[in-house]
C-alpha atoms as a PDB file:
ATOM      1  CA  MET A   1      96.094  97.698  99.625  1.00  0.00           C
ATOM      2  CA  ARG A   2      93.403  98.322  99.182  1.00  0.00           C
ATOM      3  CA  LEU A   3      93.623 100.065  95.412  1.00  0.00           C
ATOM      4  CA  LYS A   4      90.849 101.790  93.043  1.00  0.00           C
ATOM      5  CA  PHE A   5      91.491 101.516  89.168  1.00  0.00           C
ATOM      6  CA  TYR A   6      89.264 101.268  85.845  1.00  0.00           C
ATOM      7  CA  ILE A   7      88.322  98.238  83.627  1.00  0.00           C
ATOM      8  CA  ASP A   8      86.399  98.179  80.356  1.00  0.00           C
ATOM      9  CA  ASN A   9      86.472  95.068  79.785  1.00  0.00           C
ATOM     10  CA  ASP A  10      82.950  92.860  79.625  1.00  0.00           C
ATOM     11  CA  ASN A  11      85.630  89.773  80.798  1.00  0.00           C
ATOM     12  CA  ASP A  12      87.534  91.213  83.158  1.00  0.00           C
ATOM     13  CA  ALA A  13      84.101  92.918  84.562  1.00  0.00           C
ATOM     14  CA  GLU A  14      82.697  89.431  85.077  1.00  0.00           C
ATOM     15  CA  ARG A  15      85.749  88.029  87.070  1.00  0.00           C
ATOM     16  CA  CYS A  16      85.932  90.549  88.951  1.00  0.00           C
ATOM     17  CA  LEU A  17      82.686  89.901  90.311  1.00  0.00           C
ATOM     18  CA  ASP A  18      83.397  86.757  90.311  1.00  0.00           C
ATOM     19  CA  SER A  19      86.084  87.093  92.923  1.00  0.00           C
ATOM     20  CA  LEU A  20      83.884  89.762  94.616  1.00  0.00           C
ATOM     21  CA  ARG A  21      80.894  87.759  95.101  1.00  0.00           C
ATOM     22  CA  LEU A  22      83.126  84.706  95.760  1.00  0.00           C
ATOM     23  CA  GLU A  23      85.512  86.432  98.147  1.00  0.00           C
ATOM     24  CA  LYS A  24      88.244  85.079  96.023  1.00  0.00           C
ATOM     25  CA  PRO A  25      92.077  86.656  94.416  1.00  0.00           C
ATOM     26  CA  VAL A  26      91.486  87.188  90.693  1.00  0.00           C
ATOM     27  CA  LYS A  27      94.281  88.892  88.604  1.00  0.00           C
ATOM     28  CA  VAL A  28      93.433  91.445  86.223  1.00  0.00           C
ATOM     29  CA  GLU A  29      94.858  94.658  84.640  1.00  0.00           C
ATOM     30  CA  GLY A  30      93.299  97.954  84.919  1.00  0.00           C
ATOM     31  CA  GLU A  31      93.871 101.539  84.250  1.00  0.00           C
ATOM     32  CA  ASP A  32      95.733 103.438  87.942  1.00  0.00           C
ATOM     33  CA  PRO A  33      93.920 106.833  88.172  1.00  0.00           C
ATOM     34  CA  LEU A  34      96.870 108.469  88.368  1.00  0.00           C
ATOM     35  CA  THR A  35      98.996 108.203  85.432  1.00  0.00           C
ATOM     36  CA  GLY A  36      96.724 106.855  83.367  1.00  0.00           C
ATOM     37  CA  ARG A  37      98.527 103.139  82.452  1.00  0.00           C
ATOM     38  CA  ILE A  38      97.299 100.370  82.846  1.00  0.00           C
ATOM     39  CA  LYS A  39      99.244  97.567  84.862  1.00  0.00           C
ATOM     40  CA  PRO A  40      98.070  94.534  86.733  1.00  0.00           C
ATOM     41  CA  TYR A  41      96.466  94.377  90.366  1.00  0.00           C
ATOM     42  CA  LYS A  42      96.303  91.282  91.988  1.00  0.00           C
ATOM     43  CA  GLY A  43      93.618  90.696  95.134  1.00  0.00           C
ATOM     44  CA  VAL A  44      90.455  89.886  96.764  1.00  0.00           C
ATOM     45  CA  VAL A  45      87.804  92.596  94.833  1.00  0.00           C
ATOM     46  CA  LEU A  46      85.865  94.762  97.746  1.00  0.00           C
ATOM     47  CA  ALA A  47      83.854  96.815  94.831  1.00  0.00           C
ATOM     48  CA  VAL A  48      83.018  96.825  91.147  1.00  0.00           C
ATOM     49  CA  ASP A  49      80.851  99.884  90.445  1.00  0.00           C
ATOM     50  CA  ARG A  50      79.514 100.877  86.593  1.00  0.00           C
ATOM     51  CA  VAL A  51      81.418 104.245  86.095  1.00  0.00           C
ATOM     52  CA  ASP A  52      79.010 106.509  84.406  1.00  0.00           C
ATOM     53  CA  PRO A  53      75.967 103.831  82.156  1.00  0.00           C
ATOM     54  CA  GLU A  54      74.905 106.393  80.108  1.00  0.00           C
ATOM     55  CA  ALA A  55      77.782 106.283  78.105  1.00  0.00           C
ATOM     56  CA  LEU A  56      78.887 104.856  75.180  1.00  0.00           C
ATOM     57  CA  GLY A  57      80.949 101.259  76.139  1.00  0.00           C
ATOM     58  CA  GLU A  58      80.872  99.990  79.477  1.00  0.00           C
ATOM     59  CA  ARG A  59      83.417 101.294  81.821  1.00  0.00           C
ATOM     60  CA  TRP A  60      83.522  99.769  85.571  1.00  0.00           C
ATOM     61  CA  ARG A  61      85.912 101.585  89.031  1.00  0.00           C
ATOM     62  CA  VAL A  62      87.134  98.480  91.064  1.00  0.00           C
ATOM     63  CA  ALA A  63      88.231  98.495  94.550  1.00  0.00           C
ATOM     64  CA  ILE A  64      90.930  95.696  95.274  1.00  0.00           C
ATOM     65  CA  GLU A  65      92.391  94.006  98.326  1.00  0.00           C
ATOM     66  CA  THR A  66      95.764  94.095  97.103  1.00  0.00           C
ATOM     67  CA  GLU A  67      97.945  91.182  98.359  1.00  0.00           C
ATOM     68  CA  PRO A  68     100.637  91.469 100.656  1.00  0.00           C
ATOM     69  CA  ALA A  69     104.299  91.020  99.127  1.00  0.00           C
ATOM     70  CA  HIS A  70     106.375  88.672 101.065  1.00  0.00           C
END
């Protein structure tokens, strides 16, 4: 399942970019865009986009393909 969420941590952004480049799963916490709550995500990152690079602080929108539940 493809999901999108937001992160605002440089270390998590780098880990997501590594997942994207290497096509390896990553586990990261991010903000659910529907509820605004922080929750865990696990899977292979499909995209990492900087949100409003002019704003103070860093924020990224991440798309991830989650692993199927067993």
